[in-house]
C-alpha cells in the first residue's frame, strides 16, 4: 500500500492540489518500508489523480479537496481522507494504527456562514465557537503590548482566559519558518481551547484551519492587546 499526504513544511497541507509537496509512504505488514517527499508537479484540473495513481498511490490524505477531485480519485481507486490536521509523521502513525479521523473540508471549496454579529473590525468567515479563551497576536509578552499585525509570524500569542482573567504568553516558534508559518501557528493555537483570534491579518490556509477547529477569526485589529480584548468582550455581551 502506498499513501500520499499533501505536505507543507512537515504538516498536512490544507489543500491537496496547491501544497508544495507530497510525502509518499510505502507500507506493508504494518511497517513503513519507504518514505519519500516529492514536489507538487502543478495543480492542473484532473491531472493529480492520474499522476499519483501511476506512482502506485492507493490512499491520499489532505486537509481538503473539492468534490470533483474526490470523484476523480475514486475513479482511480484512490481512497481520500480529508479534514486531516497535524504533522505528517503523527498523521501516518494514526493512519497505521487505524486512529485517523476524517474532519471538515479545510480548503476553499467549503463555504461557511458569515456571522450576523456586527463588529467594528472585519469578521473573517465566523463559525460557531467551541473554546473559551481569547487569543491575541502580540509584539511583546504582556497585555500592554501592541497587537502584532501578523498571525502566522506574530512574535507572541497571548491566550486570555476570561474566567480567571489570566493571560498566558506563548512565544511563536514558527515566526522564522521559511514556509507554512500560518498553518503551524494555527495548529498551535487550536490546541489552546481558543474561541476567537484577534489579529491584524490572517492567511487563508491558517484561517481555514482555525475555523475548522471552531475558532472565530477577527482581523483588522490594531492598538493595545488588552484594549482589543475588552472591546471584543463588550461587543459580545
C-alpha atoms as a PDB file:
ATOM      1  CA  UNK A   1       0.000   0.000   0.000  1.00  0.00           C
ATOM      2  CA  UNK A   2       1.218   3.491  -0.813  1.00  0.00           C
ATOM      3  CA  UNK A   3      -0.145   6.567   0.974  1.00  0.00           C
ATOM      4  CA  UNK A   4       0.313  10.170  -0.213  1.00  0.00           C
ATOM      5  CA  UNK A   5      -0.026  13.083   2.223  1.00  0.00           C
ATOM      6  CA  UNK A   6      -0.290  16.667   0.989  1.00  0.00           C
ATOM      7  CA  UNK A   7       2.594  18.386   2.750  1.00  0.00           C
ATOM      8  CA  UNK A   8       3.617  21.905   3.758  1.00  0.00           C
ATOM      9  CA  UNK A   9       6.712  22.201   5.964  1.00  0.00           C
ATOM     10  CA  UNK A  10       6.180  18.825   7.601  1.00  0.00           C
ATOM     11  CA  UNK A  11       2.464  19.381   8.234  1.00  0.00           C
ATOM     12  CA  UNK A  12      -0.636  18.264   6.352  1.00  0.00           C
ATOM     13  CA  UNK A  13      -1.479  20.972   3.832  1.00  0.00           C
ATOM     14  CA  UNK A  14      -4.959  22.459   3.852  1.00  0.00           C
ATOM     15  CA  UNK A  15      -5.322  21.938   0.083  1.00  0.00           C
ATOM     16  CA  UNK A  16      -4.288  18.759  -1.717  1.00  0.00           C
ATOM     17  CA  UNK A  17      -3.727  20.448  -5.084  1.00  0.00           C
ATOM     18  CA  UNK A  18      -1.815  23.551  -4.036  1.00  0.00           C
ATOM     19  CA  UNK A  19       0.519  22.036  -1.466  1.00  0.00           C
ATOM     20  CA  UNK A  20       4.275  22.449  -2.044  1.00  0.00           C
ATOM     21  CA  UNK A  21       4.895  18.681  -1.952  1.00  0.00           C
ATOM     22  CA  UNK A  22       3.564  15.203  -1.242  1.00  0.00           C
ATOM     23  CA  UNK A  23       5.026  12.737   1.234  1.00  0.00           C
ATOM     24  CA  UNK A  24       4.733   9.177  -0.033  1.00  0.00           C
ATOM     25  CA  UNK A  25       4.793   6.205   2.340  1.00  0.00           C
ATOM     26  CA  UNK A  26       5.131   2.594   1.231  1.00  0.00           C
ATOM     27  CA  UNK A  27       3.564   0.394   3.913  1.00  0.00           C
ATOM     28  CA  UNK A  28       3.494  -3.374   4.248  1.00  0.00           C
ATOM     29  CA  UNK A  29       2.972  -5.701   7.203  1.00  0.00           C
ATOM     30  CA  UNK A  30       2.207  -2.696   9.419  1.00  0.00           C
ATOM     31  CA  UNK A  31       5.582  -1.075   8.761  1.00  0.00           C
ATOM     32  CA  UNK A  32       6.840   1.850   6.715  1.00  0.00           C
ATOM     33  CA  UNK A  33       9.279   0.465   4.161  1.00  0.00           C
ATOM     34  CA  UNK A  34       9.995   3.710   2.359  1.00  0.00           C
ATOM     35  CA  UNK A  35       9.296   7.417   2.821  1.00  0.00           C
ATOM     36  CA  UNK A  36       9.804   9.971   0.061  1.00  0.00           C
ATOM     37  CA  UNK A  37       8.828  13.624  -0.347  1.00  0.00           C
ATOM     38  CA  UNK A  38       8.205  14.710  -3.922  1.00  0.00           C
ATOM     39  CA  UNK A  39       7.435  18.219  -5.225  1.00  0.00           C
ATOM     40  CA  UNK A  40       3.952  19.043  -6.431  1.00  0.00           C
ATOM     41  CA  UNK A  41       4.139  18.857 -10.243  1.00  0.00           C
ATOM     42  CA  UNK A  42       1.466  21.525 -10.590  1.00  0.00           C
ATOM     43  CA  UNK A  43      -2.248  21.912  -9.988  1.00  0.00           C
ATOM     44  CA  UNK A  44      -3.954  21.256 -13.302  1.00  0.00           C
ATOM     45  CA  UNK A  45      -7.597  20.137 -13.449  1.00  0.00           C
ATOM     46  CA  UNK A  46      -7.823  16.352 -13.400  1.00  0.00           C
ATOM     47  CA  UNK A  47      -4.051  15.795 -13.539  1.00  0.00           C
ATOM     48  CA  UNK A  48      -3.049  14.858  -9.983  1.00  0.00           C
ATOM     49  CA  UNK A  49      -5.291  11.781  -9.501  1.00  0.00           C
ATOM     50  CA  UNK A  50      -3.742  10.114 -12.559  1.00  0.00           C
ATOM     51  CA  UNK A  51      -0.248  11.282 -11.646  1.00  0.00           C
ATOM     52  CA  UNK A  52      -0.423   9.815  -8.144  1.00  0.00           C
ATOM     53  CA  UNK A  53      -2.123   6.656  -9.385  1.00  0.00           C
ATOM     54  CA  UNK A  54       0.796   5.994 -11.741  1.00  0.00           C
ATOM     55  CA  UNK A  55       3.077   6.220  -8.701  1.00  0.00           C
ATOM     56  CA  UNK A  56       1.093   3.446  -7.044  1.00  0.00           C
ATOM     57  CA  UNK A  57      -0.803   5.603  -4.557  1.00  0.00           C
ATOM     58  CA  UNK A  58      -3.961   4.000  -3.164  1.00  0.00           C
ATOM     59  CA  UNK A  59      -4.738   6.453  -0.333  1.00  0.00           C
ATOM     60  CA  UNK A  60      -4.414  10.230  -0.172  1.00  0.00           C
ATOM     61  CA  UNK A  61      -4.608  12.323   2.984  1.00  0.00           C
ATOM     62  CA  UNK A  62      -5.170  16.084   2.874  1.00  0.00           C
ATOM     63  CA  UNK A  63      -6.719  18.983   4.698  1.00  0.00           C
ATOM     64  CA  UNK A  64      -9.301  19.344   1.974  1.00  0.00           C
ATOM     65  CA  UNK A  65     -10.274  18.958  -1.661  1.00  0.00           C
ATOM     66  CA  UNK A  66     -13.305  19.644  -3.805  1.00  0.00           C
ATOM     67  CA  UNK A  67     -15.984  17.069  -4.628  1.00  0.00           C
ATOM     68  CA  UNK A  68     -14.876  16.838  -8.270  1.00  0.00           C
ATOM     69  CA  UNK A  69     -11.331  15.933  -7.229  1.00  0.00           C
ATOM     70  CA  UNK A  70     -12.687  13.332  -4.819  1.00  0.00           C
ATOM     71  CA  UNK A  71     -14.681  11.742  -7.652  1.00  0.00           C
ATOM     72  CA  UNK A  72     -11.584  11.668  -9.880  1.00  0.00           C
ATOM     73  CA  UNK A  73      -9.564   9.966  -7.154  1.00  0.00           C
ATOM     74  CA  UNK A  74     -12.379   7.456  -6.701  1.00  0.00           C
ATOM     75  CA  UNK A  75     -12.199   6.612 -10.421  1.00  0.00           C
ATOM     76  CA  UNK A  76      -8.504   5.881  -9.937  1.00  0.00           C
ATOM     77  CA  UNK A  77      -9.375   3.602  -6.969  1.00  0.00           C
ATOM     78  CA  UNK A  78      -7.673   6.011  -4.571  1.00  0.00           C
ATOM     79  CA  UNK A  79      -9.388   6.463  -1.209  1.00  0.00           C
ATOM     80  CA  UNK A  80      -9.418  10.041   0.108  1.00  0.00           C
ATOM     81  CA  UNK A  81      -9.113  11.225   3.709  1.00  0.00           C
ATOM     82  CA  UNK A  82      -9.880  14.931   4.124  1.00  0.00           C
ATOM     83  CA  UNK A  83     -10.217  17.307   7.046  1.00  0.00           C
ATOM     84  CA  UNK A  84      -6.958  15.968   8.481  1.00  0.00           C
ATOM     85  CA  UNK A  85      -4.592  18.173  10.509  1.00  0.00           C
ATOM     86  CA  UNK A  86      -1.260  17.679  12.226  1.00  0.00           C
ATOM     87  CA  UNK A  87       2.318  16.771  11.421  1.00  0.00           C
ATOM     88  CA  UNK A  88       2.864  14.285   8.606  1.00  0.00           C
ATOM     89  CA  UNK A  89       4.648  11.822  10.900  1.00  0.00           C
ATOM     90  CA  UNK A  90       1.876  11.915  13.510  1.00  0.00           C
ATOM     91  CA  UNK A  91      -0.803  11.514  10.862  1.00  0.00           C
ATOM     92  CA  UNK A  92       0.790   8.486   9.200  1.00  0.00           C
ATOM     93  CA  UNK A  93       1.132   6.842  12.612  1.00  0.00           C
ATOM     94  CA  UNK A  94      -2.550   7.485  13.320  1.00  0.00           C
ATOM     95  CA  UNK A  95      -3.412   6.038   9.913  1.00  0.00           C
ATOM     96  CA  UNK A  96      -1.373   2.885  10.532  1.00  0.00           C
ATOM     97  CA  UNK A  97      -2.944   2.470  13.962  1.00  0.00           C
ATOM     98  CA  UNK A  98      -6.421   2.932  12.438  1.00  0.00           C
ATOM     99  CA  UNK A  99      -6.919   6.039  14.591  1.00  0.00           C
ATOM    100  CA  UNK A 100      -7.024   8.640  11.811  1.00  0.00           C
ATOM    101  CA  UNK A 101     -10.196  10.713  11.925  1.00  0.00           C
ATOM    102  CA  UNK A 102     -11.678  12.483   8.963  1.00  0.00           C
ATOM    103  CA  UNK A 103     -12.877  16.042   9.587  1.00  0.00           C
ATOM    104  CA  UNK A 104     -14.365  19.072   7.874  1.00  0.00           C
ATOM    105  CA  UNK A 105     -13.014  20.073   4.472  1.00  0.00           C
ATOM    106  CA  UNK A 106     -10.336  22.740   5.100  1.00  0.00           C
ATOM    107  CA  UNK A 107      -9.936  24.052   1.571  1.00  0.00           C
ATOM    108  CA  UNK A 108     -11.816  26.889  -0.078  1.00  0.00           C
ATOM    109  CA  UNK A 109     -14.412  24.555  -1.601  1.00  0.00           C
ATOM    110  CA  UNK A 110     -16.156  24.635   1.767  1.00  0.00           C
ATOM    111  CA  UNK A 111     -18.391  27.663   2.406  1.00  0.00           C
ATOM    112  CA  UNK A 112     -19.087  28.997   5.895  1.00  0.00           C
ATOM    113  CA  UNK A 113     -21.972  31.131   7.033  1.00  0.00           C
ATOM    114  CA  UNK A 114     -20.913  34.635   7.922  1.00  0.00           C
ATOM    115  CA  UNK A 115     -21.606  35.902  11.383  1.00  0.00           C
ATOM    116  CA  UNK A 116     -24.564  38.234  11.716  1.00  0.00           C
ATOM    117  CA  UNK A 117     -22.957  39.929  14.718  1.00  0.00           C
ATOM    118  CA  UNK A 118     -21.705  43.399  13.872  1.00  0.00           C
ATOM    119  CA  UNK A 119     -18.189  44.246  14.933  1.00  0.00           C
ATOM    120  CA  UNK A 120     -16.033  47.311  14.419  1.00  0.00           C
ATOM    121  CA  UNK A 121     -13.403  45.175  12.652  1.00  0.00           C
ATOM    122  CA  UNK A 122     -13.930  42.763   9.746  1.00  0.00           C
ATOM    123  CA  UNK A 123     -15.043  39.283  10.766  1.00  0.00           C
ATOM    124  CA  UNK A 124     -13.473  36.550   8.645  1.00  0.00           C
ATOM    125  CA  UNK A 125     -15.972  33.766   7.905  1.00  0.00           C
ATOM    126  CA  UNK A 126     -17.023  33.186  11.503  1.00  0.00           C
ATOM    127  CA  UNK A 127     -18.381  29.794  12.547  1.00  0.00           C
ATOM    128  CA  UNK A 128     -19.797  28.541  15.871  1.00  0.00           C
ATOM    129  CA  UNK A 129     -17.207  28.779  18.628  1.00  0.00           C
ATOM    130  CA  UNK A 130     -16.115  25.769  20.709  1.00  0.00           C
ATOM    131  CA  UNK A 131     -13.420  27.080  23.093  1.00  0.00           C
ATOM    132  CA  UNK A 132     -13.498  29.775  25.745  1.00  0.00           C
ATOM    133  CA  UNK A 133     -10.127  31.571  25.596  1.00  0.00           C
ATOM    134  CA  UNK A 134      -9.284  34.651  23.561  1.00  0.00           C
ATOM    135  CA  UNK A 135      -6.064  34.706  21.543  1.00  0.00           C
ATOM    136  CA  UNK A 136      -4.429  37.994  20.581  1.00  0.00           C
ATOM    137  CA  UNK A 137      -1.324  38.228  18.436  1.00  0.00           C
ATOM    138  CA  UNK A 138       1.129  40.486  20.253  1.00  0.00           C
ATOM    139  CA  UNK A 139       4.521  42.087  19.712  1.00  0.00           C
ATOM    140  CA  UNK A 140       5.556  41.534  23.348  1.00  0.00           C
ATOM    141  CA  UNK A 141       4.618  39.261  26.281  1.00  0.00           C
ATOM    142  CA  UNK A 142       2.257  41.462  28.296  1.00  0.00           C
ATOM    143  CA  UNK A 143      -1.329  42.582  27.776  1.00  0.00           C
ATOM    144  CA  UNK A 144       0.001  46.129  27.477  1.00  0.00           C
ATOM    145  CA  UNK A 145       1.743  45.074  24.258  1.00  0.00           C
ATOM    146  CA  UNK A 146       0.733  46.338  20.843  1.00  0.00           C
ATOM    147  CA  UNK A 147      -1.188  43.877  18.679  1.00  0.00           C
ATOM    148  CA  UNK A 148       1.092  42.138  16.189  1.00  0.00           C
ATOM    149  CA  UNK A 149      -0.489  42.607  12.747  1.00  0.00           C
ATOM    150  CA  UNK A 150       0.749  39.192  11.553  1.00  0.00           C
ATOM    151  CA  UNK A 151      -0.898  35.963  12.630  1.00  0.00           C
ATOM    152  CA  UNK A 152       1.451  33.265  11.351  1.00  0.00           C
ATOM    153  CA  UNK A 153       4.625  35.190  12.158  1.00  0.00           C
ATOM    154  CA  UNK A 154       3.444  37.029  15.270  1.00  0.00           C
ATOM    155  CA  UNK A 155       6.058  37.420  17.986  1.00  0.00           C
ATOM    156  CA  UNK A 156       3.705  36.138  20.705  1.00  0.00           C
ATOM    157  CA  UNK A 157       0.256  34.666  21.170  1.00  0.00           C
ATOM    158  CA  UNK A 158      -1.500  35.969  24.275  1.00  0.00           C
ATOM    159  CA  UNK A 159      -4.053  33.382  25.466  1.00  0.00           C
ATOM    160  CA  UNK A 160      -6.531  35.204  27.696  1.00  0.00           C
ATOM    161  CA  UNK A 161      -8.861  33.248  29.984  1.00  0.00           C
ATOM    162  CA  UNK A 162     -11.997  35.362  30.617  1.00  0.00           C
ATOM    163  CA  UNK A 163     -12.905  33.307  33.707  1.00  0.00           C
ATOM    164  CA  UNK A 164      -9.637  33.695  35.601  1.00  0.00           C
ATOM    165  CA  UNK A 165      -8.677  36.957  33.838  1.00  0.00           C
ATOM    166  CA  UNK A 166      -5.192  35.487  33.378  1.00  0.00           C
ATOM    167  CA  UNK A 167      -3.146  35.594  30.203  1.00  0.00           C
ATOM    168  CA  UNK A 168      -0.511  33.117  29.042  1.00  0.00           C
ATOM    169  CA  UNK A 169       2.151  34.498  26.696  1.00  0.00           C
ATOM    170  CA  UNK A 170       3.401  31.943  24.155  1.00  0.00           C
ATOM    171  CA  UNK A 171       6.417  32.846  22.057  1.00  0.00           C
ATOM    172  CA  UNK A 172       5.682  31.867  18.471  1.00  0.00           C
ATOM    173  CA  UNK A 173       8.103  29.084  17.439  1.00  0.00           C
ATOM    174  CA  UNK A 174       7.039  29.483  13.803  1.00  0.00           C
ATOM    175  CA  UNK A 175       7.824  33.167  13.283  1.00  0.00           C
ATOM    176  CA  UNK A 176      11.059  32.443  11.394  1.00  0.00           C
ATOM    177  CA  UNK A 177       9.753  29.463   9.395  1.00  0.00           C
ATOM    178  CA  UNK A 178      10.600  29.651   5.703  1.00  0.00           C
ATOM    179  CA  UNK A 179       7.184  28.216   4.772  1.00  0.00           C
ATOM    180  CA  UNK A 180       3.987  27.113   6.483  1.00  0.00           C
ATOM    181  CA  UNK A 181       4.181  29.565   9.404  1.00  0.00           C
ATOM    182  CA  UNK A 182       0.449  30.245   9.282  1.00  0.00           C
ATOM    183  CA  UNK A 183      -0.504  26.570   9.207  1.00  0.00           C
ATOM    184  CA  UNK A 184       1.796  25.650  12.079  1.00  0.00           C
ATOM    185  CA  UNK A 185       0.694  28.646  14.154  1.00  0.00           C
ATOM    186  CA  UNK A 186      -2.959  27.724  13.575  1.00  0.00           C
ATOM    187  CA  UNK A 187      -2.226  24.211  14.828  1.00  0.00           C
ATOM    188  CA  UNK A 188      -0.580  25.652  17.944  1.00  0.00           C
ATOM    189  CA  UNK A 189      -3.486  27.979  18.739  1.00  0.00           C
ATOM    190  CA  UNK A 190      -6.075  25.269  18.045  1.00  0.00           C
ATOM    191  CA  UNK A 191      -4.694  23.260  20.980  1.00  0.00           C
ATOM    192  CA  UNK A 192      -5.252  26.113  23.480  1.00  0.00           C
ATOM    193  CA  UNK A 193      -9.062  25.949  23.923  1.00  0.00           C
ATOM    194  CA  UNK A 194      -9.404  29.210  21.981  1.00  0.00           C
ATOM    195  CA  UNK A 195     -12.757  30.580  20.851  1.00  0.00           C
ATOM    196  CA  UNK A 196     -11.560  33.613  18.894  1.00  0.00           C
ATOM    197  CA  UNK A 197      -8.361  35.027  17.405  1.00  0.00           C
ATOM    198  CA  UNK A 198      -7.852  38.802  17.297  1.00  0.00           C
ATOM    199  CA  UNK A 199      -5.156  39.849  14.834  1.00  0.00           C
ATOM    200  CA  UNK A 200      -4.244  42.239  12.066  1.00  0.00           C
ATOM    201  CA  UNK A 201      -4.352  39.787   9.197  1.00  0.00           C
ATOM    202  CA  UNK A 202      -4.519  36.024   8.704  1.00  0.00           C
ATOM    203  CA  UNK A 203      -3.732  33.980   5.597  1.00  0.00           C
ATOM    204  CA  UNK A 204      -6.369  31.755   4.003  1.00  0.00           C
ATOM    205  CA  UNK A 205      -4.797  28.416   4.960  1.00  0.00           C
ATOM    206  CA  UNK A 206      -4.360  29.395   8.597  1.00  0.00           C
ATOM    207  CA  UNK A 207      -7.863  30.834   8.678  1.00  0.00           C
ATOM    208  CA  UNK A 208      -9.411  27.632   7.358  1.00  0.00           C
ATOM    209  CA  UNK A 209      -7.598  25.529   9.952  1.00  0.00           C
ATOM    210  CA  UNK A 210      -8.712  27.833  12.765  1.00  0.00           C
ATOM    211  CA  UNK A 211     -12.306  27.856  11.538  1.00  0.00           C
ATOM    212  CA  UNK A 212     -12.384  24.085  11.213  1.00  0.00           C
ATOM    213  CA  UNK A 213     -11.455  23.959  14.912  1.00  0.00           C
ATOM    214  CA  UNK A 214     -14.407  26.177  15.821  1.00  0.00           C
ATOM    215  CA  UNK A 215     -12.298  29.327  16.215  1.00  0.00           C
ATOM    216  CA  UNK A 216     -13.611  32.686  15.037  1.00  0.00           C
ATOM    217  CA  UNK A 217     -11.050  34.873  13.243  1.00  0.00           C
ATOM    218  CA  UNK A 218     -11.343  38.658  13.540  1.00  0.00           C
ATOM    219  CA  UNK A 219      -8.858  40.698  11.527  1.00  0.00           C
ATOM    220  CA  UNK A 220      -8.136  44.394  11.217  1.00  0.00           C
ATOM    221  CA  UNK A 221      -7.226  44.614  14.916  1.00  0.00           C
ATOM    222  CA  UNK A 222      -4.614  47.153  15.996  1.00  0.00           C
ATOM    223  CA  UNK A 223      -3.555  49.078  19.082  1.00  0.00           C
ATOM    224  CA  UNK A 224      -3.227  47.720  22.612  1.00  0.00           C
ATOM    225  CA  UNK A 225      -3.860  43.986  23.179  1.00  0.00           C
ATOM    226  CA  UNK A 226      -5.782  44.497  26.421  1.00  0.00           C
ATOM    227  CA  UNK A 227      -7.991  47.121  24.778  1.00  0.00           C
ATOM    228  CA  UNK A 228      -8.668  44.729  21.893  1.00  0.00           C
ATOM    229  CA  UNK A 229      -9.813  42.038  24.336  1.00  0.00           C
ATOM    230  CA  UNK A 230     -12.005  44.481  26.281  1.00  0.00           C
ATOM    231  CA  UNK A 231     -13.562  45.797  23.086  1.00  0.00           C
ATOM    232  CA  UNK A 232     -14.341  42.276  21.897  1.00  0.00           C
ATOM    233  CA  UNK A 233     -15.856  41.225  25.229  1.00  0.00           C
ATOM    234  CA  UNK A 234     -18.059  44.340  25.383  1.00  0.00           C
ATOM    235  CA  UNK A 235     -19.354  43.783  21.877  1.00  0.00           C
ATOM    236  CA  UNK A 236     -20.000  40.122  22.643  1.00  0.00           C
ATOM    237  CA  UNK A 237     -22.323  40.911  25.563  1.00  0.00           C
END
